Structure formats: C-alpha cells, structure tokens
C-alpha cells in the first residue's frame, strides 16, 4: 500500500490492473470503460489515466468512493435490480471494457466465499454481454477454479480468447486470479 500511496493510487489493486493491461493491452485513449466494484478507486484511476482525457469511465460500488476527475461514480449495490440500468443510462454508447474487481465479503469458509464471488462474476458477465461493443473485453476477479463449467463454456462461445491471469501484484498466497475475455463476438 505504501508504494500505491507514493504513486498516488488509492489501492494496491491499481498495480494489478496495470499489469493486466501491460499483458493484454485493453486500456487506452478514447475507451468507454465500466468499473464494477470500483471502491476505493485504484482501477478507476488507472482507467482514467490510460484514457488520456478522452473516452468515458463509469464506476459503481456498494461503498462510497471519493470522486475521481474524469470518471462518473455511483454508490449502489450491483446486485440490486436497477443497478445495471443505472449504469447503462450513464454510458454514451456500447462499452469497450467491462472490468469487475467485485468480491463478496468473506466468511472464512472457502467454498461459501467462492460461490458468493462466482455469483457476482456471473452478474457482471451478464451485464457485460448486454453493453459490450463487438471486440470488447471483459475482466473479472475470480478465485482459483472460479470460471469453470458453464460460465467458462459461455465465455469461450462469446469471446475470441479467454485466459486466466494472476498479476504479480496479487499476494502470493491469495487464491485470486482474473479471467480475461477478449474479442466479444456480440449476440
């Protein structure tokens, strides 16, 4: 966290997104980006910076997030019925990137935590399929084994490439990784 603060980021998570972007090259000038689970704002800061004053960044979190110049942030639980529609209303058109760093509050019971986080990933993925432009990208935090079965099968049908990545900025013992789906085919 000290390095994040030194560089002006609100969280260490900013480094995870930077490393994912360095590997997959999905952020950049003029992009429309949705940041689900944006608090405290590290990912949003990176997205705004890489947009270079163009494009649009919209974020949502259940927790209040301090404003970030160049982003529109709303405080709401993504699982509420009207949250996806509120986000869609803010977008100036289809999104280029939908990224989710959402995770359920942990209970300490690994299987329960996994299932609750996967439920959030599935909601974020359903939203992404509704708003992504053809060629768009979906990125979501999962835990090891988090995108198996039907979810992974569906992603592979709807995207040109699907990969799992664990940025170096993730803690070594952490089960978190990210699913990166590139090249949305549209429906």
Protein backbone atom coordinates (compact mmCIF):
# COMPACT_ATOMS: atom_id res chain seq x y z
CA UNK A 1 0.00 0.00 0.00
CA UNK A 2 2.91 2.35 0.68
CA UNK A 3 4.04 2.14 -2.96
CA UNK A 4 0.47 2.76 -4.14
CA UNK A 5 0.23 5.87 -1.96
CA UNK A 6 3.64 7.06 -3.13
CA UNK A 7 2.50 6.84 -6.75
CA UNK A 8 -0.85 8.49 -5.97
CA UNK A 9 -3.06 5.41 -6.25
CA UNK A 10 -5.82 4.68 -3.77
CA UNK A 11 -5.05 0.96 -3.56
CA UNK A 12 -2.55 -1.76 -4.42
CA UNK A 13 -5.17 -3.10 -6.83
CA UNK A 14 -4.09 -0.38 -9.28
CA UNK A 15 -0.89 -2.35 -9.89
CA UNK A 16 -2.91 -5.50 -10.69
CA UNK A 17 -4.81 -3.64 -13.40
CA UNK A 18 -1.64 -2.04 -14.76
CA UNK A 19 -0.01 -5.49 -15.02
CA UNK A 20 -3.09 -7.00 -16.69
CA UNK A 21 -3.16 -4.11 -19.17
CA UNK A 22 0.56 -4.48 -19.91
CA UNK A 23 -0.06 -8.13 -20.78
CA UNK A 24 -3.37 -7.83 -22.69
CA UNK A 25 -3.39 -4.18 -23.90
CA UNK A 26 -7.08 -3.40 -23.35
CA UNK A 27 -6.99 0.14 -21.91
CA UNK A 28 -6.20 3.20 -23.97
CA UNK A 29 -7.22 6.52 -25.38
CA UNK A 30 -10.91 7.01 -26.09
CA UNK A 31 -12.25 3.84 -24.47
CA UNK A 32 -15.60 3.50 -22.75
CA UNK A 33 -14.87 1.58 -19.56
CA UNK A 34 -17.17 0.26 -16.82
CA UNK A 35 -15.52 -0.47 -13.44
CA UNK A 36 -17.69 -2.72 -11.25
CA UNK A 37 -16.63 -2.82 -7.61
CA UNK A 38 -14.63 0.38 -8.06
CA UNK A 39 -14.00 1.41 -4.42
CA UNK A 40 -11.61 2.78 -3.31
CA UNK A 41 -10.84 3.80 -6.89
CA UNK A 42 -7.44 2.40 -7.87
CA UNK A 43 -8.71 0.71 -11.05
CA UNK A 44 -10.74 3.78 -11.96
CA UNK A 45 -7.66 5.99 -11.58
CA UNK A 46 -5.69 3.75 -13.95
CA UNK A 47 -8.55 3.65 -16.48
CA UNK A 48 -8.91 7.45 -16.47
CA UNK A 49 -5.14 7.94 -16.84
CA UNK A 50 -4.90 5.50 -19.75
CA UNK A 51 -7.89 7.19 -21.46
CA UNK A 52 -5.73 10.35 -21.64
CA UNK A 53 -8.64 12.76 -21.16
CA UNK A 54 -10.86 11.08 -23.75
CA UNK A 55 -13.47 8.33 -23.65
CA UNK A 56 -15.60 7.59 -20.62
CA UNK A 57 -15.11 5.81 -17.30
CA UNK A 58 -18.12 4.83 -15.21
CA UNK A 59 -17.75 3.08 -11.87
CA UNK A 60 -20.06 1.53 -9.31
CA UNK A 61 -19.51 0.18 -5.82
CA UNK A 62 -21.61 -0.65 -2.79
CA UNK A 63 -19.18 1.56 -0.83
CA UNK A 64 -18.94 5.31 -1.25
CA UNK A 65 -16.00 6.18 -3.49
CA UNK A 66 -14.31 9.58 -3.35
CA UNK A 67 -14.77 11.41 -6.67
CA UNK A 68 -12.17 10.93 -9.40
CA UNK A 69 -11.80 13.60 -12.07
CA UNK A 70 -12.67 12.06 -15.42
CA UNK A 71 -14.96 9.36 -14.01
CA UNK A 72 -18.64 9.10 -13.12
CA UNK A 73 -19.07 7.08 -9.93
CA UNK A 74 -22.25 5.81 -8.33
CA UNK A 75 -22.73 4.23 -4.94
CA UNK A 76 -25.03 1.25 -5.25
CA UNK A 77 -25.11 -2.48 -4.73
CA UNK A 78 -24.65 -4.06 -8.18
CA UNK A 79 -26.97 -6.91 -7.18
CA UNK A 80 -29.97 -4.59 -6.87
CA UNK A 81 -32.44 -4.84 -9.72
CA UNK A 82 -31.99 -1.29 -11.06
CA UNK A 83 -28.17 -1.06 -10.85
CA UNK A 84 -27.44 -2.35 -14.39
CA UNK A 85 -29.99 0.06 -15.88
CA UNK A 86 -28.49 3.00 -13.96
CA UNK A 87 -25.08 2.16 -15.40
CA UNK A 88 -26.45 1.75 -18.93
CA UNK A 89 -28.14 5.16 -18.67
CA UNK A 90 -24.77 6.76 -17.89
CA UNK A 91 -22.99 5.22 -20.89
CA UNK A 92 -22.65 7.20 -24.10
CA UNK A 93 -22.90 4.01 -26.13
CA UNK A 94 -21.51 0.48 -26.01
CA UNK A 95 -18.62 -0.23 -23.64
CA UNK A 96 -15.17 -1.25 -24.84
CA UNK A 97 -14.20 -2.75 -21.47
CA UNK A 98 -16.21 -4.09 -18.54
CA UNK A 99 -13.95 -4.86 -15.60
CA UNK A 100 -15.00 -6.26 -12.26
CA UNK A 101 -12.90 -6.38 -9.14
CA UNK A 102 -16.00 -7.26 -7.11
CA UNK A 103 -15.75 -9.93 -4.46
CA UNK A 104 -18.24 -10.96 -1.81
CA UNK A 105 -17.37 -10.24 1.80
CA UNK A 106 -15.52 -13.30 3.00
CA UNK A 107 -16.93 -15.61 5.65
CA UNK A 108 -13.74 -17.64 6.14
CA UNK A 109 -15.44 -20.70 4.65
CA UNK A 110 -13.61 -21.13 1.35
CA UNK A 111 -16.40 -22.91 -0.54
CA UNK A 112 -19.04 -20.38 0.53
CA UNK A 113 -16.77 -17.44 -0.34
CA UNK A 114 -16.05 -18.98 -3.74
CA UNK A 115 -19.75 -19.47 -4.55
CA UNK A 116 -20.68 -15.94 -3.47
CA UNK A 117 -17.92 -14.39 -5.56
CA UNK A 118 -18.83 -16.51 -8.60
CA UNK A 119 -22.41 -15.27 -8.31
CA UNK A 120 -21.05 -11.70 -8.64
CA UNK A 121 -18.88 -12.71 -11.61
CA UNK A 122 -21.92 -14.22 -13.32
CA UNK A 123 -23.92 -11.00 -12.79
CA UNK A 124 -21.04 -8.89 -14.10
CA UNK A 125 -20.67 -11.18 -17.11
CA UNK A 126 -24.39 -11.00 -17.95
CA UNK A 127 -24.14 -7.19 -17.78
CA UNK A 128 -21.01 -7.19 -19.96
CA UNK A 129 -22.80 -9.21 -22.66
CA UNK A 130 -25.53 -6.53 -22.71
CA UNK A 131 -23.26 -3.48 -23.00
CA UNK A 132 -20.03 -4.55 -24.72
CA UNK A 133 -19.30 -3.44 -28.26
CA UNK A 134 -18.12 -6.11 -30.70
CA UNK A 135 -14.44 -6.74 -29.97
CA UNK A 136 -14.94 -5.65 -26.34
CA UNK A 137 -13.17 -7.04 -23.30
CA UNK A 138 -14.45 -8.46 -20.00
CA UNK A 139 -12.17 -8.88 -16.99
CA UNK A 140 -13.25 -10.20 -13.60
CA UNK A 141 -11.68 -11.26 -10.35
CA UNK A 142 -12.28 -14.92 -9.63
CA UNK A 143 -10.76 -17.36 -7.22
CA UNK A 144 -8.83 -20.41 -8.38
CA UNK A 145 -11.22 -22.67 -10.23
CA UNK A 146 -13.65 -19.78 -10.47
CA UNK A 147 -14.59 -19.90 -14.13
CA UNK A 148 -15.26 -23.50 -14.83
CA UNK A 149 -18.19 -25.33 -16.30
CA UNK A 150 -21.00 -23.40 -17.92
CA UNK A 151 -19.58 -19.92 -17.28
CA UNK A 152 -16.27 -20.69 -18.96
CA UNK A 153 -18.01 -22.52 -21.81
CA UNK A 154 -20.26 -19.50 -22.42
CA UNK A 155 -17.30 -17.11 -22.36
CA UNK A 156 -15.44 -19.21 -24.92
CA UNK A 157 -18.50 -19.08 -27.19
CA UNK A 158 -18.87 -15.31 -26.87
CA UNK A 159 -15.24 -14.17 -26.95
CA UNK A 160 -12.35 -14.87 -29.33
CA UNK A 161 -9.91 -15.58 -26.46
CA UNK A 162 -10.40 -16.43 -22.78
CA UNK A 163 -7.46 -16.67 -20.38
CA UNK A 164 -6.74 -16.70 -16.65
CA UNK A 165 -4.05 -14.45 -15.24
CA UNK A 166 -2.57 -13.81 -11.82
CA UNK A 167 -0.76 -10.45 -11.76
CA UNK A 168 2.49 -10.31 -9.80
CA UNK A 169 0.87 -7.61 -7.65
CA UNK A 170 -1.54 -10.21 -6.23
CA UNK A 171 -0.36 -11.57 -2.92
CA UNK A 172 1.49 -14.85 -3.34
CA UNK A 173 -0.81 -16.89 -1.09
CA UNK A 174 -4.00 -15.35 -2.43
CA UNK A 175 -6.35 -17.61 -4.40
CA UNK A 176 -7.43 -14.65 -6.53
CA UNK A 177 -6.84 -14.55 -10.25
CA UNK A 178 -8.55 -12.80 -13.13
CA UNK A 179 -10.44 -14.15 -16.09
CA UNK A 180 -9.71 -12.07 -19.21
CA UNK A 181 -12.13 -12.46 -22.12
CA UNK A 182 -11.03 -10.66 -25.29
CA UNK A 183 -12.82 -10.02 -28.57
CA UNK A 184 -16.53 -10.02 -27.74
CA UNK A 185 -18.41 -11.52 -30.66
CA UNK A 186 -21.73 -9.82 -29.86
CA UNK A 187 -25.01 -11.68 -29.97
